[in-house]
């Protein structure tokens, strides 16, 4: 029997510009420090899409989106700069978040 992995997608805006390669890794490392290794591995967050230099979507296992949002609020530094992350919307479909992010600009 094959089990389907149920995911949630979280649309996040950043107060500072990030690059897709290095910035994404730094964000996930910061989340891991706050969440701890066990919860991080169970939540399995990944950068699903980046819409601009400040807007991106994080994919996470369903049931762990609240822990991810809480962990993002504690990540304050990225690359030596003070940075703030703002969660805008959470959805089960990445297409809806893409349309929402494009409507915000």
N, C-alpha and C. Protein backbone atom coordinates (compact mmCIF):
# COMPACT_ATOMS: atom_id res chain seq x y z
N UNK A 1 0.83 -1.17 0.00
CA UNK A 1 0.00 0.00 0.00
C UNK A 1 0.89 1.25 0.00
N UNK A 2 0.59 2.18 -0.86
CA UNK A 2 1.35 3.42 -0.97
C UNK A 2 0.59 4.52 -0.23
N UNK A 3 1.27 5.17 0.68
CA UNK A 3 0.65 6.27 1.42
C UNK A 3 1.00 7.59 0.76
N UNK A 4 0.01 8.44 0.61
CA UNK A 4 0.24 9.74 0.02
C UNK A 4 0.71 10.70 1.10
N UNK A 5 1.75 11.45 0.80
CA UNK A 5 2.28 12.42 1.73
C UNK A 5 1.45 13.70 1.65
N UNK A 6 0.83 14.09 2.75
CA UNK A 6 -0.01 15.27 2.75
C UNK A 6 0.82 16.47 3.17
N UNK A 7 0.78 17.50 2.35
CA UNK A 7 1.63 18.66 2.56
C UNK A 7 0.80 19.92 2.75
N UNK A 8 1.40 20.89 3.40
CA UNK A 8 0.85 22.24 3.47
C UNK A 8 1.92 23.18 2.93
N UNK A 9 1.48 24.27 2.35
CA UNK A 9 2.39 25.26 1.78
C UNK A 9 2.18 26.58 2.50
N UNK A 10 3.28 27.22 2.88
CA UNK A 10 3.24 28.46 3.64
C UNK A 10 3.90 29.55 2.81
N UNK A 11 3.15 30.61 2.52
CA UNK A 11 3.67 31.76 1.77
C UNK A 11 4.33 32.71 2.75
N UNK A 12 5.60 33.03 2.51
CA UNK A 12 6.39 33.84 3.43
C UNK A 12 6.99 35.02 2.67
N UNK A 13 6.95 36.19 3.30
CA UNK A 13 7.64 37.36 2.79
C UNK A 13 8.79 37.69 3.72
N UNK A 14 9.89 38.15 3.14
CA UNK A 14 11.10 38.46 3.89
C UNK A 14 11.33 39.97 3.83
N UNK A 15 11.86 40.54 4.92
CA UNK A 15 12.10 41.98 4.94
C UNK A 15 13.35 42.38 4.16
N UNK A 16 14.18 41.41 3.80
CA UNK A 16 15.41 41.68 3.06
C UNK A 16 15.48 40.76 1.85
N UNK A 17 16.19 41.16 0.82
CA UNK A 17 16.33 40.33 -0.38
C UNK A 17 17.14 39.07 -0.05
N UNK A 18 16.73 37.95 -0.65
CA UNK A 18 17.47 36.70 -0.48
C UNK A 18 17.76 36.11 -1.86
N UNK A 19 18.87 35.41 -1.98
CA UNK A 19 19.13 34.68 -3.22
C UNK A 19 18.63 33.25 -3.03
N UNK A 20 18.29 32.62 -4.12
CA UNK A 20 17.60 31.33 -4.05
C UNK A 20 18.48 30.21 -3.50
N UNK A 21 19.75 30.19 -3.83
CA UNK A 21 20.62 29.07 -3.44
C UNK A 21 21.07 29.18 -1.99
N UNK A 22 21.82 30.21 -1.69
CA UNK A 22 22.42 30.35 -0.36
C UNK A 22 21.38 30.76 0.68
N UNK A 23 20.46 31.65 0.31
CA UNK A 23 19.46 32.14 1.24
C UNK A 23 18.51 31.06 1.70
N UNK A 24 18.09 30.19 0.78
CA UNK A 24 17.19 29.11 1.13
C UNK A 24 17.80 28.16 2.15
N UNK A 25 19.08 27.86 1.97
CA UNK A 25 19.77 26.97 2.91
C UNK A 25 19.89 27.63 4.29
N UNK A 26 20.18 28.93 4.32
CA UNK A 26 20.30 29.63 5.59
C UNK A 26 18.97 29.69 6.33
N UNK A 27 17.88 29.86 5.59
CA UNK A 27 16.55 29.89 6.22
C UNK A 27 16.25 28.54 6.85
N UNK A 28 16.48 27.47 6.11
CA UNK A 28 16.20 26.13 6.64
C UNK A 28 17.10 25.78 7.82
N UNK A 29 18.36 26.24 7.78
CA UNK A 29 19.26 26.01 8.92
C UNK A 29 18.77 26.76 10.15
N UNK A 30 18.29 27.99 9.97
CA UNK A 30 17.76 28.76 11.08
C UNK A 30 16.52 28.11 11.67
N UNK A 31 15.67 27.57 10.82
CA UNK A 31 14.47 26.87 11.28
C UNK A 31 14.86 25.64 12.09
N UNK A 32 15.88 24.91 11.62
CA UNK A 32 16.31 23.70 12.31
C UNK A 32 16.85 24.03 13.71
N UNK A 33 17.57 25.13 13.84
CA UNK A 33 18.11 25.52 15.14
C UNK A 33 16.96 25.79 16.12
N UNK A 34 15.92 26.46 15.65
CA UNK A 34 14.80 26.80 16.53
C UNK A 34 13.93 25.59 16.83
N UNK A 35 13.61 24.77 15.81
CA UNK A 35 12.71 23.64 15.98
C UNK A 35 13.37 22.46 16.68
N UNK A 36 14.63 22.29 16.49
CA UNK A 36 15.31 21.09 16.98
C UNK A 36 15.32 20.03 15.89
N UNK A 37 16.25 19.10 15.98
CA UNK A 37 16.43 18.10 14.92
C UNK A 37 15.23 17.18 14.77
N UNK A 38 14.64 16.74 15.86
CA UNK A 38 13.54 15.78 15.79
C UNK A 38 12.31 16.38 15.11
N UNK A 39 11.88 17.53 15.57
CA UNK A 39 10.70 18.17 14.98
C UNK A 39 10.98 18.60 13.54
N UNK A 40 12.20 19.08 13.27
CA UNK A 40 12.57 19.48 11.91
C UNK A 40 12.47 18.29 10.96
N UNK A 41 12.97 17.13 11.38
CA UNK A 41 12.91 15.95 10.50
C UNK A 41 11.50 15.44 10.32
N UNK A 42 10.66 15.56 11.33
CA UNK A 42 9.27 15.15 11.19
C UNK A 42 8.48 16.13 10.32
N UNK A 43 8.79 17.42 10.43
CA UNK A 43 8.09 18.43 9.63
C UNK A 43 8.57 18.42 8.18
N UNK A 44 9.85 18.16 7.97
CA UNK A 44 10.47 18.07 6.65
C UNK A 44 10.21 19.31 5.79
N UNK A 45 10.61 20.51 6.26
CA UNK A 45 10.38 21.72 5.47
C UNK A 45 11.34 21.82 4.29
N UNK A 46 10.84 22.35 3.19
CA UNK A 46 11.65 22.58 1.98
C UNK A 46 11.16 23.86 1.32
N UNK A 47 12.06 24.56 0.65
CA UNK A 47 11.65 25.72 -0.15
C UNK A 47 11.03 25.17 -1.42
N UNK A 48 9.73 25.38 -1.59
CA UNK A 48 9.02 24.81 -2.74
C UNK A 48 9.12 25.72 -3.96
N UNK A 49 9.01 27.03 -3.76
CA UNK A 49 9.06 27.97 -4.88
C UNK A 49 9.50 29.33 -4.36
N UNK A 50 10.16 30.09 -5.24
CA UNK A 50 10.52 31.46 -4.91
C UNK A 50 9.96 32.35 -6.00
N UNK A 51 9.11 33.30 -5.60
CA UNK A 51 8.40 34.14 -6.56
C UNK A 51 9.13 35.43 -6.85
N UNK A 52 9.85 35.95 -5.89
CA UNK A 52 10.66 37.16 -6.08
C UNK A 52 11.82 37.08 -5.09
N UNK A 53 12.55 38.16 -4.97
CA UNK A 53 13.68 38.16 -4.03
C UNK A 53 13.21 38.19 -2.59
N UNK A 54 11.92 38.49 -2.37
CA UNK A 54 11.40 38.58 -1.00
C UNK A 54 10.25 37.62 -0.71
N UNK A 55 9.69 36.99 -1.69
CA UNK A 55 8.54 36.10 -1.49
C UNK A 55 8.89 34.68 -1.90
N UNK A 56 8.54 33.73 -1.03
CA UNK A 56 8.79 32.33 -1.34
C UNK A 56 7.79 31.46 -0.60
N UNK A 57 7.71 30.20 -1.00
CA UNK A 57 6.81 29.24 -0.39
C UNK A 57 7.62 28.11 0.23
N UNK A 58 7.26 27.73 1.45
CA UNK A 58 7.88 26.60 2.13
C UNK A 58 6.86 25.48 2.21
N UNK A 59 7.28 24.29 1.81
CA UNK A 59 6.42 23.10 1.91
C UNK A 59 6.77 22.38 3.21
N UNK A 60 5.74 21.91 3.91
CA UNK A 60 5.92 21.24 5.20
C UNK A 60 4.86 20.15 5.32
N UNK A 61 5.17 19.10 6.07
CA UNK A 61 4.19 18.04 6.30
C UNK A 61 2.99 18.60 7.06
N UNK A 62 1.81 18.12 6.71
CA UNK A 62 0.59 18.60 7.33
C UNK A 62 0.60 18.30 8.83
N UNK A 63 0.19 19.27 9.61
CA UNK A 63 0.20 19.14 11.06
C UNK A 63 1.36 19.86 11.70
N UNK A 64 2.35 20.27 10.91
CA UNK A 64 3.53 20.96 11.44
C UNK A 64 3.62 22.40 10.96
N UNK A 65 2.57 22.91 10.31
CA UNK A 65 2.64 24.28 9.79
C UNK A 65 2.69 25.31 10.92
N UNK A 66 2.05 25.04 12.05
CA UNK A 66 2.10 25.99 13.17
C UNK A 66 3.50 26.05 13.77
N UNK A 67 4.15 24.90 13.88
CA UNK A 67 5.52 24.88 14.40
C UNK A 67 6.47 25.63 13.45
N UNK A 68 6.25 25.49 12.14
CA UNK A 68 7.08 26.18 11.17
C UNK A 68 6.89 27.69 11.27
N UNK A 69 5.65 28.14 11.38
CA UNK A 69 5.37 29.58 11.49
C UNK A 69 6.00 30.14 12.76
N UNK A 70 5.90 29.40 13.84
CA UNK A 70 6.50 29.84 15.09
C UNK A 70 8.03 29.89 14.98
N UNK A 71 8.62 28.89 14.36
CA UNK A 71 10.08 28.87 14.19
C UNK A 71 10.55 30.02 13.30
N UNK A 72 9.79 30.34 12.26
CA UNK A 72 10.16 31.45 11.37
C UNK A 72 10.15 32.78 12.11
N UNK A 73 9.27 32.92 13.08
CA UNK A 73 9.21 34.18 13.82
C UNK A 73 10.45 34.39 14.69
N UNK A 74 11.17 33.31 15.02
CA UNK A 74 12.37 33.42 15.83
C UNK A 74 13.66 33.52 15.01
N UNK A 75 13.59 33.33 13.72
CA UNK A 75 14.78 33.47 12.87
C UNK A 75 14.95 34.95 12.57
N UNK A 76 16.00 35.55 13.12
CA UNK A 76 16.19 37.00 13.01
C UNK A 76 17.39 37.41 12.17
N UNK A 77 18.38 36.54 12.02
CA UNK A 77 19.58 36.87 11.27
C UNK A 77 19.74 35.93 10.09
N UNK A 78 20.16 36.51 8.96
CA UNK A 78 20.44 35.70 7.79
C UNK A 78 21.62 36.34 7.06
N UNK A 79 22.71 35.63 7.02
CA UNK A 79 23.90 36.15 6.37
C UNK A 79 24.49 37.36 7.08
N UNK A 80 24.33 37.43 8.40
CA UNK A 80 24.87 38.53 9.17
C UNK A 80 23.98 39.77 9.18
N UNK A 81 22.85 39.73 8.50
CA UNK A 81 21.93 40.87 8.45
C UNK A 81 20.68 40.56 9.26
N UNK A 82 20.11 41.59 9.87
CA UNK A 82 18.84 41.41 10.57
C UNK A 82 17.74 41.25 9.53
N UNK A 83 16.94 40.24 9.71
CA UNK A 83 15.90 39.90 8.75
C UNK A 83 14.64 39.49 9.49
N UNK A 84 13.50 39.85 8.94
CA UNK A 84 12.22 39.42 9.50
C UNK A 84 11.46 38.61 8.47
N UNK A 85 10.79 37.57 8.92
CA UNK A 85 9.97 36.73 8.05
C UNK A 85 8.51 36.87 8.46
N UNK A 86 7.66 37.10 7.48
CA UNK A 86 6.25 37.33 7.72
C UNK A 86 5.43 36.30 6.96
N UNK A 87 4.68 35.49 7.69
CA UNK A 87 3.83 34.48 7.08
C UNK A 87 2.55 35.16 6.62
N UNK A 88 2.22 34.99 5.35
CA UNK A 88 1.07 35.67 4.78
C UNK A 88 -0.13 34.74 4.71
N UNK A 89 0.08 33.52 4.22
CA UNK A 89 -1.04 32.61 4.02
C UNK A 89 -0.54 31.17 4.03
N UNK A 90 -1.43 30.26 4.43
CA UNK A 90 -1.15 28.83 4.40
C UNK A 90 -2.22 28.14 3.58
N UNK A 91 -1.80 27.17 2.73
CA UNK A 91 -2.76 26.49 1.87
C UNK A 91 -2.29 25.06 1.62
N UNK A 92 -3.21 24.24 1.14
CA UNK A 92 -2.89 22.88 0.78
C UNK A 92 -2.53 22.74 -0.69
N UNK A 93 -2.69 23.83 -1.45
CA UNK A 93 -2.38 23.82 -2.89
C UNK A 93 -1.41 24.94 -3.20
N UNK A 94 -0.32 24.61 -3.85
CA UNK A 94 0.71 25.62 -4.15
C UNK A 94 0.24 26.60 -5.23
N UNK A 95 -0.65 26.15 -6.10
CA UNK A 95 -1.16 27.03 -7.16
C UNK A 95 -1.93 28.22 -6.62
N UNK A 96 -2.70 28.01 -5.56
CA UNK A 96 -3.45 29.11 -4.94
C UNK A 96 -2.50 30.14 -4.35
N UNK A 97 -1.44 29.66 -3.72
CA UNK A 97 -0.47 30.60 -3.14
C UNK A 97 0.27 31.37 -4.21
N UNK A 98 0.54 30.73 -5.33
CA UNK A 98 1.23 31.42 -6.42
C UNK A 98 0.37 32.56 -6.95
N UNK A 99 -0.92 32.30 -7.16
CA UNK A 99 -1.83 33.35 -7.63
C UNK A 99 -1.93 34.47 -6.59
N UNK A 100 -1.98 34.11 -5.32
CA UNK A 100 -2.07 35.12 -4.26
C UNK A 100 -0.81 35.97 -4.19
N UNK A 101 0.35 35.35 -4.32
CA UNK A 101 1.62 36.08 -4.29
C UNK A 101 1.74 37.02 -5.47
N UNK A 102 1.28 36.58 -6.65
CA UNK A 102 1.34 37.43 -7.83
C UNK A 102 0.37 38.61 -7.71
N UNK A 103 -0.77 38.40 -7.04
CA UNK A 103 -1.73 39.50 -6.88
C UNK A 103 -1.21 40.55 -5.91
N UNK A 104 -0.36 40.16 -4.95
CA UNK A 104 0.23 41.11 -4.01
C UNK A 104 1.37 41.89 -4.64
N UNK A 105 1.97 41.32 -5.65
CA UNK A 105 3.05 42.03 -6.35
C UNK A 105 4.35 41.61 -5.94
